[in-house]
Amino acid sequence: MTQAAQQLADGKEKVTQGFRELIQGAEDLLRSASSYSGEGADAVRAKLSTQVDKLKNAANTFETSASEKYRQLSESTDGYVREKPWQAVGIAAVTGVVVGALLARR
């Protein structure tokens, strides 16, 4: 796996983990809210439960979308490098020089 592909995979994993932690926190809040009683508390629990469900659906949709985009990017990058290896080397070299120059200015 290339370094760029590895960085994309790592970034995807961090975002996915963040969503999981957010969902876990919301579920914990929902469980703690279940100990309260009264009509207002029931409304809050129902609304929080709906929001947790929406968050779970959004996280699943995001994860699926990110996985698909990552796969497409990996395939297109791999195909480009295989078709035009010298251009890929040139692009990498130019990118390295530009990044090096920018970092040296700091």
Protein backbone atom coordinates (compact mmCIF):
# COMPACT_ATOMS: atom_id res chain seq x y z
CA MET A 1 0.00 0.00 0.00
CA THR A 2 1.36 3.43 -0.88
CA GLN A 3 1.98 6.08 1.72
CA ALA A 4 -0.90 8.23 0.42
CA ALA A 5 -3.26 5.27 0.50
CA GLN A 6 -2.13 4.47 4.03
CA GLN A 7 -2.74 8.06 5.11
CA LEU A 8 -6.22 7.96 3.58
CA ALA A 9 -6.94 4.70 5.38
CA ASP A 10 -5.68 6.15 8.67
CA GLY A 11 -7.78 9.30 8.22
CA LYS A 12 -10.87 7.24 7.43
CA GLU A 13 -10.30 5.16 10.54
CA LYS A 14 -9.93 8.27 12.73
CA VAL A 15 -13.18 9.77 11.40
CA THR A 16 -15.00 6.48 11.82
CA GLN A 17 -13.70 6.15 15.38
CA GLY A 18 -14.83 9.71 16.12
CA PHE A 19 -18.35 8.92 14.92
CA ARG A 20 -18.41 5.75 17.03
CA GLU A 21 -17.34 7.69 20.13
CA LEU A 22 -19.97 10.35 19.46
CA ILE A 23 -22.68 7.73 19.09
CA GLN A 24 -21.50 5.97 22.26
CA GLY A 25 -21.63 9.25 24.17
CA ALA A 26 -25.14 9.98 22.93
CA GLU A 27 -26.28 6.48 23.89
CA ASP A 28 -24.76 6.92 27.36
CA LEU A 29 -26.60 10.22 27.73
CA LEU A 30 -29.83 8.54 26.67
CA ARG A 31 -29.33 5.80 29.27
CA SER A 32 -28.63 8.33 32.02
CA ALA A 33 -31.71 10.34 31.01
CA SER A 34 -33.87 7.25 31.42
CA SER A 35 -33.65 7.59 35.21
CA TYR A 36 -35.54 10.90 35.13
CA SER A 37 -39.31 10.84 35.26
CA GLY A 38 -42.12 13.07 34.19
CA GLU A 39 -43.75 14.18 30.98
CA GLY A 40 -40.92 16.54 30.03
CA ALA A 41 -38.31 13.85 30.59
CA ASP A 42 -40.22 11.45 28.34
CA ALA A 43 -40.21 14.03 25.56
CA VAL A 44 -36.48 14.65 26.00
CA ARG A 45 -35.74 10.90 25.93
CA ALA A 46 -37.83 10.46 22.77
CA LYS A 47 -36.11 13.35 21.04
CA LEU A 48 -32.66 12.15 22.12
CA SER A 49 -33.46 8.63 20.95
CA THR A 50 -34.49 10.00 17.54
CA GLN A 51 -31.29 12.02 17.32
CA VAL A 52 -29.16 8.98 18.22
CA ASP A 53 -30.87 6.97 15.48
CA LYS A 54 -30.27 9.76 12.95
CA LEU A 55 -26.63 9.98 14.02
CA LYS A 56 -26.16 6.24 13.60
CA ASN A 57 -27.69 6.37 10.11
CA ALA A 58 -25.51 9.34 9.15
CA ALA A 59 -22.39 7.58 10.44
CA ASN A 60 -23.21 4.43 8.47
CA THR A 61 -23.88 6.45 5.33
CA PHE A 62 -20.65 8.40 5.77
CA GLU A 63 -18.61 5.26 6.38
CA THR A 64 -20.04 3.57 3.29
CA SER A 65 -19.45 6.66 1.17
CA ALA A 66 -15.92 7.17 2.48
CA SER A 67 -15.05 3.53 1.86
CA GLU A 68 -16.31 3.72 -1.71
CA LYS A 69 -14.45 6.96 -2.43
CA TYR A 70 -11.27 5.55 -0.88
CA ARG A 71 -11.54 2.44 -3.04
CA GLN A 72 -12.10 4.50 -6.20
CA LEU A 73 -9.19 6.80 -5.40
CA SER A 74 -6.90 3.88 -4.70
CA GLU A 75 -7.84 2.19 -7.95
CA SER A 76 -7.43 5.32 -10.05
CA THR A 77 -4.09 6.19 -8.45
CA ASP A 78 -2.81 2.66 -8.89
CA GLY A 79 -3.95 2.63 -12.52
CA TYR A 80 -2.30 5.97 -13.26
CA VAL A 81 1.00 4.94 -11.71
CA ARG A 82 0.99 1.66 -13.62
CA GLU A 83 0.17 3.37 -16.94
CA LYS A 84 2.56 6.31 -16.54
CA PRO A 85 5.27 5.44 -14.02
CA TRP A 86 7.72 8.16 -15.08
CA GLN A 87 5.10 10.87 -14.89
CA ALA A 88 4.15 9.63 -11.43
CA VAL A 89 7.81 9.80 -10.36
CA GLY A 90 8.05 13.33 -11.80
CA ILE A 91 4.91 14.47 -10.01
CA ALA A 92 6.18 13.01 -6.74
CA ALA A 93 9.55 14.72 -7.19
CA VAL A 94 8.00 18.11 -7.97
CA THR A 95 5.63 17.76 -5.04
CA GLY A 96 8.55 16.91 -2.76
CA VAL A 97 10.53 19.94 -3.93
CA VAL A 98 7.55 22.27 -3.44
CA VAL A 99 6.76 20.91 0.02
CA GLY A 100 10.45 21.07 0.96
CA ALA A 101 10.67 24.66 -0.21
CA LEU A 102 7.56 25.63 1.73
CA LEU A 103 8.82 23.96 4.89
CA ALA A 104 12.26 25.55 4.52
CA ARG A 105 10.67 29.02 4.44
CA ARG A 106 9.32 28.55 7.93
